[in-house]
Each structure stands twice: as structure tokens, then as C-alpha cells.
């Protein structure tokens, strides 16, 4: 089993930055991809960014490209999401997720961390 724990959410003003962190524990040897997703109130969960466990390649949703940066550290078993130039529409619960090589779906999810962008 794999445990996923996010941290780093909070309240930030428009144009500000936040850094989300995700720590993995348990049977992480088979993991290949890490991703961040988000879900805003009354909206479906959407993909934000992903990274292969060994750091590349990375993928971003259109809204995240140029503002968000995902990075993974295989030795520490962590993944971070640096979010810059945040907008009110970025307000959502952000989830970290992991999947094993060869799997299409993400199998392991954290509890989520709230990000609120408001003045």
C-alpha cells in the first residue's frame, strides 16, 4: 500500500505564489508517475500536472503551463507543485496522486489541500 500526504495549501492574494508538497510512503518502489489534480466547488476534478518518478517528462494542463512547475525527488519520495501568479479561478482542493508503471489510472490519492486565491 502507498500513503500520500499533501501539505502547503492556504490563502493567497491574486498574483501570489504557493508551493504544495506531497510525501509518499509505503510500497513506493513500483510507482512511476506522480500527478497533481484539483477540484473546485461544483466542478469535476481536473488534471493539473504530472511528472515521471525520475523527473521527466513533465506534463501540464493548459491553464498551468507557464505558471506552475512540478518536480519530483526520487530519493526523498516527494513531489512539489510551485504555483505562481495565482488567480481566483485557481481556488480549489488540490490532490496529489500516484500510479504504477503500466497503469492508466492513478491508484493512490491524498486527502487534498485547500488553495484559496482571494483578495
N, C-alpha and C. Protein backbone atom coordinates (compact mmCIF):
# COMPACT_ATOMS: atom_id res chain seq x y z
N UNK A 1 0.84 -1.20 0.00
CA UNK A 1 0.00 0.00 0.00
C UNK A 1 0.88 1.25 0.00
N UNK A 2 0.33 2.30 -0.54
CA UNK A 2 1.05 3.58 -0.64
C UNK A 2 0.25 4.64 0.09
N UNK A 3 0.93 5.43 0.89
CA UNK A 3 0.29 6.55 1.57
C UNK A 3 0.76 7.85 0.92
N UNK A 4 -0.20 8.75 0.74
CA UNK A 4 0.07 10.02 0.06
C UNK A 4 -0.40 11.15 0.97
N UNK A 5 0.47 12.12 1.22
CA UNK A 5 0.11 13.22 2.12
C UNK A 5 0.53 14.55 1.52
N UNK A 6 -0.44 15.44 1.34
CA UNK A 6 -0.16 16.77 0.79
C UNK A 6 -0.02 17.78 1.92
N UNK A 7 0.66 18.87 1.61
CA UNK A 7 0.75 20.00 2.53
C UNK A 7 1.06 21.25 1.72
N UNK A 8 0.85 22.41 2.35
CA UNK A 8 1.26 23.66 1.72
C UNK A 8 0.15 24.52 1.20
N UNK A 9 -1.10 24.10 1.31
CA UNK A 9 -2.18 24.94 0.85
C UNK A 9 -2.38 26.14 1.75
N UNK A 10 -3.29 27.01 1.36
CA UNK A 10 -3.58 28.18 2.18
C UNK A 10 -4.28 29.26 1.40
N UNK A 11 -4.31 30.44 2.00
CA UNK A 11 -4.95 31.61 1.39
C UNK A 11 -3.86 32.52 0.83
N UNK A 12 -4.04 32.96 -0.39
CA UNK A 12 -3.06 33.83 -1.03
C UNK A 12 -3.81 34.84 -1.88
N UNK A 13 -3.22 36.02 -2.03
CA UNK A 13 -3.83 37.04 -2.86
C UNK A 13 -3.57 36.78 -4.34
N UNK A 14 -4.43 37.29 -5.20
CA UNK A 14 -4.17 37.14 -6.65
C UNK A 14 -2.79 37.66 -7.01
N UNK A 15 -2.11 36.91 -7.85
CA UNK A 15 -0.75 37.24 -8.22
C UNK A 15 0.30 36.64 -7.31
N UNK A 16 -0.12 36.06 -6.21
CA UNK A 16 0.82 35.47 -5.26
C UNK A 16 1.24 34.06 -5.65
N UNK A 17 2.02 33.45 -4.76
CA UNK A 17 2.57 32.12 -5.02
C UNK A 17 2.32 31.19 -3.84
N UNK A 18 2.25 29.92 -4.15
CA UNK A 18 2.18 28.87 -3.13
C UNK A 18 2.97 27.67 -3.62
N UNK A 19 3.49 26.94 -2.67
CA UNK A 19 4.22 25.72 -3.01
C UNK A 19 3.57 24.55 -2.29
N UNK A 20 3.05 23.62 -3.05
CA UNK A 20 2.43 22.43 -2.49
C UNK A 20 3.46 21.30 -2.47
N UNK A 21 3.42 20.53 -1.41
CA UNK A 21 4.32 19.39 -1.28
C UNK A 21 3.52 18.12 -1.08
N UNK A 22 4.12 17.02 -1.52
CA UNK A 22 3.48 15.72 -1.38
C UNK A 22 4.53 14.72 -0.98
N UNK A 23 4.25 13.98 0.07
CA UNK A 23 5.19 12.96 0.56
C UNK A 23 4.56 11.59 0.41
N UNK A 24 5.36 10.66 -0.08
CA UNK A 24 4.90 9.30 -0.31
C UNK A 24 5.59 8.36 0.67
N UNK A 25 4.85 7.36 1.10
CA UNK A 25 5.42 6.35 1.98
C UNK A 25 4.77 5.01 1.68
N UNK A 26 5.37 3.98 2.22
CA UNK A 26 4.86 2.64 1.97
C UNK A 26 5.56 1.98 0.79
N UNK A 27 4.85 1.21 0.01
CA UNK A 27 5.42 0.46 -1.10
C UNK A 27 5.50 1.34 -2.35
N UNK A 28 6.52 2.17 -2.37
CA UNK A 28 6.66 3.15 -3.45
C UNK A 28 7.51 2.66 -4.61
N UNK A 29 8.07 1.46 -4.50
CA UNK A 29 9.05 1.01 -5.49
C UNK A 29 8.46 0.91 -6.89
N UNK A 30 7.17 0.55 -6.98
CA UNK A 30 6.56 0.33 -8.29
C UNK A 30 5.96 1.59 -8.89
N UNK A 31 6.02 2.69 -8.17
CA UNK A 31 5.42 3.91 -8.68
C UNK A 31 6.22 4.48 -9.83
N UNK A 32 5.51 5.02 -10.82
CA UNK A 32 6.21 5.59 -11.97
C UNK A 32 5.83 7.04 -12.22
N UNK A 33 4.62 7.42 -11.90
CA UNK A 33 4.15 8.76 -12.21
C UNK A 33 3.49 9.39 -10.99
N UNK A 34 3.73 10.67 -10.85
CA UNK A 34 3.09 11.45 -9.80
C UNK A 34 2.33 12.58 -10.46
N UNK A 35 1.17 12.88 -9.91
CA UNK A 35 0.39 13.95 -10.51
C UNK A 35 -0.30 14.82 -9.48
N UNK A 36 -0.65 16.01 -9.93
CA UNK A 36 -1.48 16.91 -9.13
C UNK A 36 -2.79 17.12 -9.89
N UNK A 37 -3.87 17.08 -9.15
CA UNK A 37 -5.20 17.32 -9.68
C UNK A 37 -5.86 18.36 -8.78
N UNK A 38 -6.95 18.93 -9.25
CA UNK A 38 -7.68 19.86 -8.41
C UNK A 38 -9.17 19.75 -8.67
N UNK A 39 -9.93 20.16 -7.67
CA UNK A 39 -11.38 20.16 -7.79
C UNK A 39 -11.93 21.40 -7.13
N UNK A 40 -12.55 22.24 -7.94
CA UNK A 40 -13.20 23.44 -7.44
C UNK A 40 -14.64 23.11 -7.06
N UNK A 41 -15.26 23.93 -6.23
CA UNK A 41 -16.66 23.67 -5.83
C UNK A 41 -17.57 23.51 -7.04
N UNK A 42 -18.35 22.46 -7.03
CA UNK A 42 -19.35 22.17 -8.06
C UNK A 42 -18.74 21.94 -9.44
N UNK A 43 -17.47 21.58 -9.46
CA UNK A 43 -16.81 21.25 -10.73
C UNK A 43 -16.18 19.87 -10.63
N UNK A 44 -15.92 19.27 -11.77
CA UNK A 44 -15.29 17.96 -11.77
C UNK A 44 -13.80 18.12 -11.49
N UNK A 45 -13.21 17.07 -11.00
CA UNK A 45 -11.78 17.09 -10.75
C UNK A 45 -11.03 17.16 -12.07
N UNK A 46 -9.96 17.95 -12.11
CA UNK A 46 -9.22 18.10 -13.35
C UNK A 46 -7.72 17.93 -13.13
N UNK A 47 -7.07 17.52 -14.17
CA UNK A 47 -5.63 17.32 -14.16
C UNK A 47 -4.92 18.67 -14.12
N UNK A 48 -3.84 18.74 -13.35
CA UNK A 48 -3.04 19.95 -13.27
C UNK A 48 -1.66 19.72 -13.90
N UNK A 49 -0.95 18.72 -13.40
CA UNK A 49 0.41 18.45 -13.88
C UNK A 49 0.83 17.06 -13.45
N UNK A 50 1.81 16.51 -14.16
CA UNK A 50 2.34 15.22 -13.76
C UNK A 50 3.82 15.13 -14.11
N UNK A 51 4.48 14.21 -13.45
CA UNK A 51 5.91 14.01 -13.68
C UNK A 51 6.22 12.54 -13.52
N UNK A 52 7.14 12.06 -14.34
CA UNK A 52 7.60 10.70 -14.17
C UNK A 52 8.46 10.66 -12.91
N UNK A 53 8.45 9.54 -12.23
CA UNK A 53 9.08 9.43 -10.92
C UNK A 53 10.54 9.87 -10.94
N UNK A 54 11.23 9.61 -12.03
CA UNK A 54 12.62 10.00 -12.11
C UNK A 54 12.80 11.37 -12.73
N UNK A 55 11.77 12.18 -12.74
CA UNK A 55 11.92 13.59 -13.03
C UNK A 55 11.51 14.06 -14.39
N UNK A 56 11.38 13.20 -15.36
CA UNK A 56 10.99 13.67 -16.69
C UNK A 56 10.30 12.55 -17.43
N UNK A 57 9.40 12.83 -18.37
CA UNK A 57 8.97 14.16 -18.74
C UNK A 57 7.90 14.69 -17.80
N UNK A 58 7.57 15.95 -17.98
CA UNK A 58 6.50 16.57 -17.24
C UNK A 58 5.39 16.97 -18.19
N UNK A 59 4.18 17.00 -17.66
CA UNK A 59 3.02 17.39 -18.45
C UNK A 59 2.20 18.40 -17.65
N UNK A 60 1.60 19.34 -18.35
CA UNK A 60 0.83 20.38 -17.69
C UNK A 60 -0.49 20.60 -18.42
N UNK A 61 -1.52 20.92 -17.64
CA UNK A 61 -2.75 21.41 -18.23
C UNK A 61 -2.47 22.79 -18.82
N UNK A 62 -3.29 23.16 -19.78
CA UNK A 62 -3.08 24.45 -20.45
C UNK A 62 -3.06 25.61 -19.46
N UNK A 63 -3.96 25.58 -18.50
CA UNK A 63 -4.05 26.69 -17.54
C UNK A 63 -2.83 26.76 -16.63
N UNK A 64 -2.11 25.65 -16.50
CA UNK A 64 -0.97 25.60 -15.59
C UNK A 64 0.35 25.94 -16.28
N UNK A 65 0.39 25.76 -17.58
CA UNK A 65 1.64 25.95 -18.31
C UNK A 65 2.13 27.39 -18.17
N UNK A 66 3.38 27.55 -17.78
CA UNK A 66 3.96 28.87 -17.62
C UNK A 66 3.79 29.48 -16.25
N UNK A 67 2.89 28.92 -15.44
CA UNK A 67 2.67 29.44 -14.08
C UNK A 67 3.02 28.42 -13.01
N UNK A 68 2.79 27.14 -13.31
CA UNK A 68 3.03 26.08 -12.33
C UNK A 68 4.23 25.25 -12.76
N UNK A 69 4.95 24.73 -11.76
CA UNK A 69 6.08 23.86 -12.03
C UNK A 69 6.01 22.65 -11.11
N UNK A 70 6.03 21.46 -11.70
CA UNK A 70 6.03 20.23 -10.92
C UNK A 70 7.43 19.65 -10.93
N UNK A 71 7.83 19.10 -9.78
CA UNK A 71 9.13 18.46 -9.71
C UNK A 71 9.06 17.29 -8.73
N UNK A 72 9.81 16.25 -9.04
CA UNK A 72 9.83 15.07 -8.20
C UNK A 72 11.22 14.76 -7.70
N UNK A 73 11.31 14.21 -6.52
CA UNK A 73 12.58 13.82 -5.93
C UNK A 73 12.48 12.35 -5.55
N UNK A 74 13.12 11.51 -6.36
CA UNK A 74 13.03 10.08 -6.14
C UNK A 74 13.67 9.62 -4.85
N UNK A 75 14.74 10.27 -4.47
CA UNK A 75 15.44 9.87 -3.24
C UNK A 75 14.61 10.20 -2.01
N UNK A 76 13.97 11.35 -2.01
CA UNK A 76 13.17 11.76 -0.85
C UNK A 76 11.72 11.29 -0.97
N UNK A 77 11.35 10.81 -2.15
CA UNK A 77 9.98 10.36 -2.39
C UNK A 77 8.99 11.49 -2.14
N UNK A 78 9.29 12.61 -2.74
CA UNK A 78 8.42 13.77 -2.63
C UNK A 78 8.17 14.35 -4.02
N UNK A 79 7.10 15.08 -4.13
CA UNK A 79 6.80 15.82 -5.35
C UNK A 79 6.22 17.16 -4.95
N UNK A 80 6.61 18.19 -5.64
CA UNK A 80 6.15 19.53 -5.30
C UNK A 80 5.47 20.17 -6.50
N UNK A 81 4.62 21.13 -6.20
CA UNK A 81 3.97 21.93 -7.23
C UNK A 81 4.15 23.39 -6.84
N UNK A 82 4.99 24.08 -7.56
CA UNK A 82 5.18 25.51 -7.34
C UNK A 82 4.19 26.26 -8.21
N UNK A 83 3.37 27.08 -7.57
CA UNK A 83 2.32 27.80 -8.28
C UNK A 83 2.57 29.30 -8.16
N UNK A 84 2.75 29.95 -9.28
CA UNK A 84 3.00 31.38 -9.32
C UNK A 84 1.87 32.10 -10.04
N UNK A 85 1.81 33.40 -9.82
CA UNK A 85 0.80 34.24 -10.48
C UNK A 85 -0.60 33.62 -10.34
N UNK A 86 -0.95 33.29 -9.13
CA UNK A 86 -2.22 32.63 -8.89
C UNK A 86 -3.40 33.54 -9.16
N UNK A 87 -4.47 32.92 -9.61
CA UNK A 87 -5.70 33.63 -9.98
C UNK A 87 -6.84 33.12 -9.13
N UNK A 88 -7.90 33.92 -8.96
CA UNK A 88 -9.06 33.43 -8.19
C UNK A 88 -9.61 32.11 -8.73
N UNK A 89 -9.54 31.89 -10.02
CA UNK A 89 -10.06 30.65 -10.59
C UNK A 89 -9.18 29.44 -10.28
N UNK A 90 -8.04 29.65 -9.66
CA UNK A 90 -7.21 28.54 -9.20
C UNK A 90 -7.67 28.01 -7.85
N UNK A 91 -8.64 28.66 -7.25
CA UNK A 91 -9.16 28.21 -5.97
C UNK A 91 -9.77 26.82 -6.11
N UNK A 92 -9.30 25.89 -5.30
CA UNK A 92 -9.74 24.50 -5.39
C UNK A 92 -9.06 23.69 -4.29
N UNK A 93 -9.53 22.47 -4.14
CA UNK A 93 -8.79 21.49 -3.34
C UNK A 93 -7.83 20.79 -4.29
N UNK A 94 -6.56 20.78 -3.92
CA UNK A 94 -5.53 20.17 -4.75
C UNK A 94 -5.15 18.81 -4.17
N UNK A 95 -5.11 17.83 -5.07
CA UNK A 95 -4.82 16.45 -4.68
C UNK A 95 -3.54 15.98 -5.34
N UNK A 96 -2.75 15.28 -4.56
CA UNK A 96 -1.58 14.59 -5.08
C UNK A 96 -1.97 13.13 -5.32
N UNK A 97 -1.45 12.57 -6.40
CA UNK A 97 -1.79 11.19 -6.74
C UNK A 97 -0.59 10.48 -7.34
N UNK A 98 -0.62 9.16 -7.26
CA UNK A 98 0.48 8.36 -7.78
C UNK A 98 -0.07 7.14 -8.51
N UNK A 99 0.71 6.68 -9.50
CA UNK A 99 0.31 5.45 -10.18
C UNK A 99 1.54 4.63 -10.51
N UNK A 100 1.28 3.36 -10.71
CA UNK A 100 2.36 2.43 -11.01
C UNK A 100 2.58 2.35 -12.52
N UNK A 101 3.75 1.95 -12.88
CA UNK A 101 4.11 1.83 -14.29
C UNK A 101 3.15 0.88 -14.99
N UNK A 102 2.67 1.31 -16.16
CA UNK A 102 1.76 0.48 -16.93
C UNK A 102 0.29 0.70 -16.62
N UNK A 103 0.02 1.40 -15.55
CA UNK A 103 -1.36 1.66 -15.18
C UNK A 103 -1.83 2.95 -15.86
N UNK A 104 -3.08 2.96 -16.28
CA UNK A 104 -3.63 4.16 -16.90
C UNK A 104 -4.16 5.13 -15.85
N UNK A 105 -4.76 4.59 -14.81
CA UNK A 105 -5.38 5.43 -13.79
C UNK A 105 -4.45 5.61 -12.59
N UNK A 106 -4.66 6.71 -11.91
CA UNK A 106 -3.96 6.95 -10.66
C UNK A 106 -4.68 6.17 -9.55
N UNK A 107 -3.91 5.38 -8.83
CA UNK A 107 -4.50 4.49 -7.83
C UNK A 107 -4.41 5.02 -6.42
N UNK A 108 -3.46 5.89 -6.15
CA UNK A 108 -3.21 6.33 -4.79
C UNK A 108 -3.40 7.84 -4.71
N UNK A 109 -4.21 8.25 -3.75
CA UNK A 109 -4.59 9.66 -3.64
C UNK A 109 -4.41 10.16 -2.22
N UNK A 110 -4.04 11.44 -2.12
CA UNK A 110 -4.01 12.07 -0.82
C UNK A 110 -5.37 12.62 -0.46
N UNK A 111 -5.44 13.23 0.72
CA UNK A 111 -6.71 13.78 1.21
C UNK A 111 -7.02 15.14 0.62
N UNK A 112 -6.02 15.78 0.05
CA UNK A 112 -6.23 17.09 -0.56
C UNK A 112 -5.84 18.23 0.36
N UNK A 113 -5.48 19.34 -0.26
CA UNK A 113 -5.14 20.54 0.49
C UNK A 113 -5.82 21.73 -0.19
N UNK A 114 -6.43 22.59 0.63
CA UNK A 114 -7.22 23.70 0.09
C UNK A 114 -6.30 24.86 -0.32
N UNK A 115 -6.54 25.34 -1.52
CA UNK A 115 -5.88 26.55 -2.02
C UNK A 115 -6.96 27.57 -2.31
N UNK A 116 -6.86 28.74 -1.68
CA UNK A 116 -7.83 29.81 -1.90
C UNK A 116 -7.09 31.05 -2.36
N UNK A 117 -7.51 31.57 -3.50
CA UNK A 117 -6.90 32.78 -4.05
C UNK A 117 -7.95 33.88 -3.99
N UNK A 118 -7.71 34.83 -3.12
CA UNK A 118 -8.71 35.87 -2.91
C UNK A 118 -8.05 37.10 -2.31
N UNK A 119 -8.59 38.25 -2.65
CA UNK A 119 -8.09 39.49 -2.06
C UNK A 119 -8.93 39.86 -0.84
